[in-house]
Amino acid sequence: MKRLFLGLIASVFFMTAQAAKPQDAPRVYFVSPKDGAKVAKTLKVKFGVRGMALKPAGESMDDKTKGHHHLIVDGTFVAKDQVVPTDEKHIHFGKAQTETEITLAPGTHTLTLQFADGAHRSYGEALSATIKVLVE
């Protein structure tokens, strides 16, 4: 009986913990490559997003449920509400693309995926993801 009671308490605790997780919170992620992957100098990068709609830049500029991807090479996320820079490290995908091909020098690199609204204003760290790749 004591074992059944403890099992019941553990089940209730597990279900409560699962319900409390923000599994439906919007997020971005790398479909490929995976974190820590060894890659060729020219590689395909695929992006994913959940809980947000993809829209090209210039559309739905004030709708905070829509946006597009930016890829940051060897940098970090862009602070919330800041415009994502346009330079060699910040690649914009303003047509709502979900993949690209890039070429990197040999060595270890970080890739950061950043989601931003139609005016390129960043959604911040909450809608970013960073991985490392080793270019052989």
C-alpha atoms as a PDB file:
ATOM      1  CA  MET A   1       0.000   0.000   0.000  1.00  0.00           C
ATOM      2  CA  LYS A   2       2.834   2.380   0.897  1.00  0.00           C
ATOM      3  CA  ARG A   3       4.503   1.668  -2.470  1.00  0.00           C
ATOM      4  CA  LEU A   4       1.227   2.387  -4.326  1.00  0.00           C
ATOM      5  CA  PHE A   5       0.803   5.671  -2.426  1.00  0.00           C
ATOM      6  CA  LEU A   6       4.390   6.765  -3.212  1.00  0.00           C
ATOM      7  CA  GLY A   7       3.897   5.809  -6.871  1.00  0.00           C
ATOM      8  CA  LEU A   8       0.712   7.890  -7.001  1.00  0.00           C
ATOM      9  CA  ILE A   9       2.469  10.909  -5.470  1.00  0.00           C
ATOM     10  CA  ALA A  10       5.378  10.557  -7.926  1.00  0.00           C
ATOM     11  CA  SER A  11       2.932  10.361 -10.868  1.00  0.00           C
ATOM     12  CA  VAL A  12       1.064  13.476  -9.767  1.00  0.00           C
ATOM     13  CA  PHE A  13       4.356  15.337  -9.254  1.00  0.00           C
ATOM     14  CA  PHE A  14       5.618  14.300 -12.723  1.00  0.00           C
ATOM     15  CA  MET A  15       2.365  15.326 -14.439  1.00  0.00           C
ATOM     16  CA  THR A  16       2.369  18.686 -12.642  1.00  0.00           C
ATOM     17  CA  ALA A  17       5.994  19.321 -13.621  1.00  0.00           C
ATOM     18  CA  GLN A  18       5.218  18.452 -17.246  1.00  0.00           C
ATOM     19  CA  ALA A  19       2.204  20.785 -17.301  1.00  0.00           C
ATOM     20  CA  ALA A  20       4.318  23.625 -15.919  1.00  0.00           C
ATOM     21  CA  LYS A  21       6.906  23.413 -18.720  1.00  0.00           C
ATOM     22  CA  PRO A  22       6.536  26.089 -21.395  1.00  0.00           C
ATOM     23  CA  GLN A  23       6.594  23.487 -24.186  1.00  0.00           C
ATOM     24  CA  ASP A  24       4.388  25.658 -26.365  1.00  0.00           C
ATOM     25  CA  ALA A  25       6.541  28.762 -25.926  1.00  0.00           C
ATOM     26  CA  PRO A  26       7.774  30.133 -29.265  1.00  0.00           C
ATOM     27  CA  ARG A  27      11.292  29.052 -30.166  1.00  0.00           C
ATOM     28  CA  VAL A  28      13.791  28.869 -33.001  1.00  0.00           C
ATOM     29  CA  TYR A  29      16.153  25.988 -33.614  1.00  0.00           C
ATOM     30  CA  PHE A  30      18.629  24.539 -36.080  1.00  0.00           C
ATOM     31  CA  VAL A  31      17.259  21.627 -38.068  1.00  0.00           C
ATOM     32  CA  SER A  32      20.792  21.078 -39.323  1.00  0.00           C
ATOM     33  CA  PRO A  33      23.622  20.974 -38.646  1.00  0.00           C
ATOM     34  CA  LYS A  34      23.479  19.708 -35.099  1.00  0.00           C
ATOM     35  CA  ASP A  35      25.418  21.311 -32.258  1.00  0.00           C
ATOM     36  CA  GLY A  36      29.014  20.063 -32.260  1.00  0.00           C
ATOM     37  CA  ALA A  37      28.843  18.712 -35.830  1.00  0.00           C
ATOM     38  CA  LYS A  38      31.964  18.343 -37.955  1.00  0.00           C
ATOM     39  CA  VAL A  39      31.167  19.931 -41.307  1.00  0.00           C
ATOM     40  CA  ALA A  40      32.722  20.692 -44.684  1.00  0.00           C
ATOM     41  CA  LYS A  41      33.705  24.300 -45.380  1.00  0.00           C
ATOM     42  CA  THR A  42      30.567  24.747 -47.501  1.00  0.00           C
ATOM     43  CA  LEU A  43      27.526  23.586 -45.573  1.00  0.00           C
ATOM     44  CA  LYS A  44      23.777  23.760 -45.734  1.00  0.00           C
ATOM     45  CA  VAL A  45      22.078  25.326 -42.710  1.00  0.00           C
ATOM     46  CA  LYS A  46      18.369  24.714 -42.099  1.00  0.00           C
ATOM     47  CA  PHE A  47      16.293  26.782 -39.666  1.00  0.00           C
ATOM     48  CA  GLY A  48      13.134  25.972 -37.729  1.00  0.00           C
ATOM     49  CA  VAL A  49      10.606  28.015 -35.773  1.00  0.00           C
ATOM     50  CA  ARG A  50       7.667  27.004 -33.562  1.00  0.00           C
ATOM     51  CA  GLY A  51       4.935  29.219 -32.190  1.00  0.00           C
ATOM     52  CA  MET A  52       5.624  32.064 -34.625  1.00  0.00           C
ATOM     53  CA  ALA A  53       4.624  32.568 -38.261  1.00  0.00           C
ATOM     54  CA  LEU A  54       7.192  33.192 -40.976  1.00  0.00           C
ATOM     55  CA  LYS A  55       6.619  36.435 -42.874  1.00  0.00           C
ATOM     56  CA  PRO A  56       8.927  38.379 -45.193  1.00  0.00           C
ATOM     57  CA  ALA A  57      10.585  41.579 -43.999  1.00  0.00           C
ATOM     58  CA  GLY A  58       8.377  44.614 -44.503  1.00  0.00           C
ATOM     59  CA  GLU A  59       5.190  42.629 -43.856  1.00  0.00           C
ATOM     60  CA  SER A  60       3.304  42.512 -40.558  1.00  0.00           C
ATOM     61  CA  MET A  61       5.898  44.861 -39.066  1.00  0.00           C
ATOM     62  CA  ASP A  62       4.064  45.368 -35.771  1.00  0.00           C
ATOM     63  CA  ASP A  63       2.639  41.857 -35.434  1.00  0.00           C
ATOM     64  CA  LYS A  64       4.673  40.234 -32.643  1.00  0.00           C
ATOM     65  CA  THR A  65       3.584  36.736 -33.712  1.00  0.00           C
ATOM     66  CA  LYS A  66       5.388  36.911 -37.059  1.00  0.00           C
ATOM     67  CA  GLY A  67       8.892  37.422 -38.358  1.00  0.00           C
ATOM     68  CA  HIS A  68      11.866  35.971 -40.200  1.00  0.00           C
ATOM     69  CA  HIS A  69      15.285  34.446 -39.542  1.00  0.00           C
ATOM     70  CA  HIS A  70      18.750  35.953 -39.311  1.00  0.00           C
ATOM     71  CA  LEU A  71      21.959  33.927 -39.099  1.00  0.00           C
ATOM     72  CA  ILE A  72      24.811  35.353 -37.052  1.00  0.00           C
ATOM     73  CA  VAL A  73      28.241  33.847 -37.726  1.00  0.00           C
ATOM     74  CA  ASP A  74      30.684  33.974 -34.809  1.00  0.00           C
ATOM     75  CA  GLY A  75      28.532  36.395 -32.847  1.00  0.00           C
ATOM     76  CA  THR A  76      25.775  36.353 -30.272  1.00  0.00           C
ATOM     77  CA  PHE A  77      22.050  37.077 -30.132  1.00  0.00           C
ATOM     78  CA  VAL A  78      20.794  40.607 -30.734  1.00  0.00           C
ATOM     79  CA  ALA A  79      19.137  42.307 -27.747  1.00  0.00           C
ATOM     80  CA  LYS A  80      15.347  42.478 -27.760  1.00  0.00           C
ATOM     81  CA  ASP A  81      13.892  45.327 -29.850  1.00  0.00           C
ATOM     82  CA  GLN A  82      17.284  46.175 -31.388  1.00  0.00           C
ATOM     83  CA  VAL A  83      17.511  46.110 -35.186  1.00  0.00           C
ATOM     84  CA  VAL A  84      19.628  43.220 -36.451  1.00  0.00           C
ATOM     85  CA  PRO A  85      22.719  44.759 -38.112  1.00  0.00           C
ATOM     86  CA  THR A  86      23.463  44.289 -41.780  1.00  0.00           C
ATOM     87  CA  ASP A  87      27.088  43.221 -42.128  1.00  0.00           C
ATOM     88  CA  GLU A  88      29.233  40.199 -42.989  1.00  0.00           C
ATOM     89  CA  LYS A  89      28.370  38.470 -39.672  1.00  0.00           C
ATOM     90  CA  HIS A  90      24.591  39.071 -39.738  1.00  0.00           C
ATOM     91  CA  ILE A  91      22.879  37.363 -42.662  1.00  0.00           C
ATOM     92  CA  HIS A  92      19.241  38.389 -43.244  1.00  0.00           C
ATOM     93  CA  PHE A  93      16.582  36.058 -44.623  1.00  0.00           C
ATOM     94  CA  GLY A  94      13.971  38.700 -45.332  1.00  0.00           C
ATOM     95  CA  LYS A  95      12.064  36.546 -47.813  1.00  0.00           C
ATOM     96  CA  ALA A  96      11.228  34.146 -44.954  1.00  0.00           C
ATOM     97  CA  GLN A  97      13.720  31.536 -46.139  1.00  0.00           C
ATOM     98  CA  THR A  98      14.338  28.510 -43.946  1.00  0.00           C
ATOM     99  CA  GLU A  99      17.702  27.349 -45.287  1.00  0.00           C
ATOM    100  CA  THR A 100      20.924  28.602 -46.807  1.00  0.00           C
ATOM    101  CA  GLU A 101      24.362  27.465 -47.855  1.00  0.00           C
ATOM    102  CA  ILE A 102      27.386  29.144 -46.297  1.00  0.00           C
ATOM    103  CA  THR A 103      31.146  28.765 -46.569  1.00  0.00           C
ATOM    104  CA  LEU A 104      33.331  29.014 -43.466  1.00  0.00           C
ATOM    105  CA  ALA A 105      37.080  28.869 -42.873  1.00  0.00           C
ATOM    106  CA  PRO A 106      38.468  25.770 -41.145  1.00  0.00           C
ATOM    107  CA  GLY A 107      38.146  25.823 -37.370  1.00  0.00           C
ATOM    108  CA  THR A 108      35.436  26.162 -34.735  1.00  0.00           C
ATOM    109  CA  HIS A 109      32.569  28.571 -35.411  1.00  0.00           C
ATOM    110  CA  THR A 110      29.381  29.562 -33.632  1.00  0.00           C
ATOM    111  CA  LEU A 111      26.148  29.966 -35.540  1.00  0.00           C
ATOM    112  CA  THR A 112      23.341  31.910 -33.896  1.00  0.00           C
ATOM    113  CA  LEU A 113      19.829  31.882 -35.266  1.00  0.00           C
ATOM    114  CA  GLN A 114      17.917  35.070 -34.418  1.00  0.00           C
ATOM    115  CA  PHE A 115      14.228  35.660 -35.117  1.00  0.00           C
ATOM    116  CA  ALA A 116      13.065  39.232 -35.682  1.00  0.00           C
ATOM    117  CA  ASP A 117       9.913  41.071 -36.749  1.00  0.00           C
ATOM    118  CA  GLY A 118       9.123  42.563 -40.156  1.00  0.00           C
ATOM    119  CA  ALA A 119      11.230  45.633 -39.358  1.00  0.00           C
ATOM    120  CA  HIS A 120      14.239  43.442 -38.362  1.00  0.00           C
ATOM    121  CA  ARG A 121      13.715  44.233 -34.654  1.00  0.00           C
ATOM    122  CA  SER A 122      15.064  41.298 -32.670  1.00  0.00           C
ATOM    123  CA  TYR A 123      12.866  39.210 -30.403  1.00  0.00           C
ATOM    124  CA  GLY A 124      15.961  38.831 -28.229  1.00  0.00           C
ATOM    125  CA  GLU A 125      17.606  35.878 -26.583  1.00  0.00           C
ATOM    126  CA  ALA A 126      14.278  34.070 -26.088  1.00  0.00           C
ATOM    127  CA  LEU A 127      13.982  33.600 -29.856  1.00  0.00           C
ATOM    128  CA  SER A 128      17.586  32.760 -30.601  1.00  0.00           C
ATOM    129  CA  ALA A 129      19.574  29.543 -30.669  1.00  0.00           C
ATOM    130  CA  THR A 130      23.329  29.004 -30.847  1.00  0.00           C
ATOM    131  CA  ILE A 131      25.337  25.994 -31.947  1.00  0.00           C
ATOM    132  CA  LYS A 132      29.024  25.310 -32.549  1.00  0.00           C
ATOM    133  CA  VAL A 133      30.381  23.581 -35.622  1.00  0.00           C
ATOM    134  CA  LEU A 134      33.864  22.373 -36.467  1.00  0.00           C
ATOM    135  CA  VAL A 135      34.832  23.056 -40.069  1.00  0.00           C
ATOM    136  CA  GLU A 136      37.365  20.493 -41.290  1.00  0.00           C
END
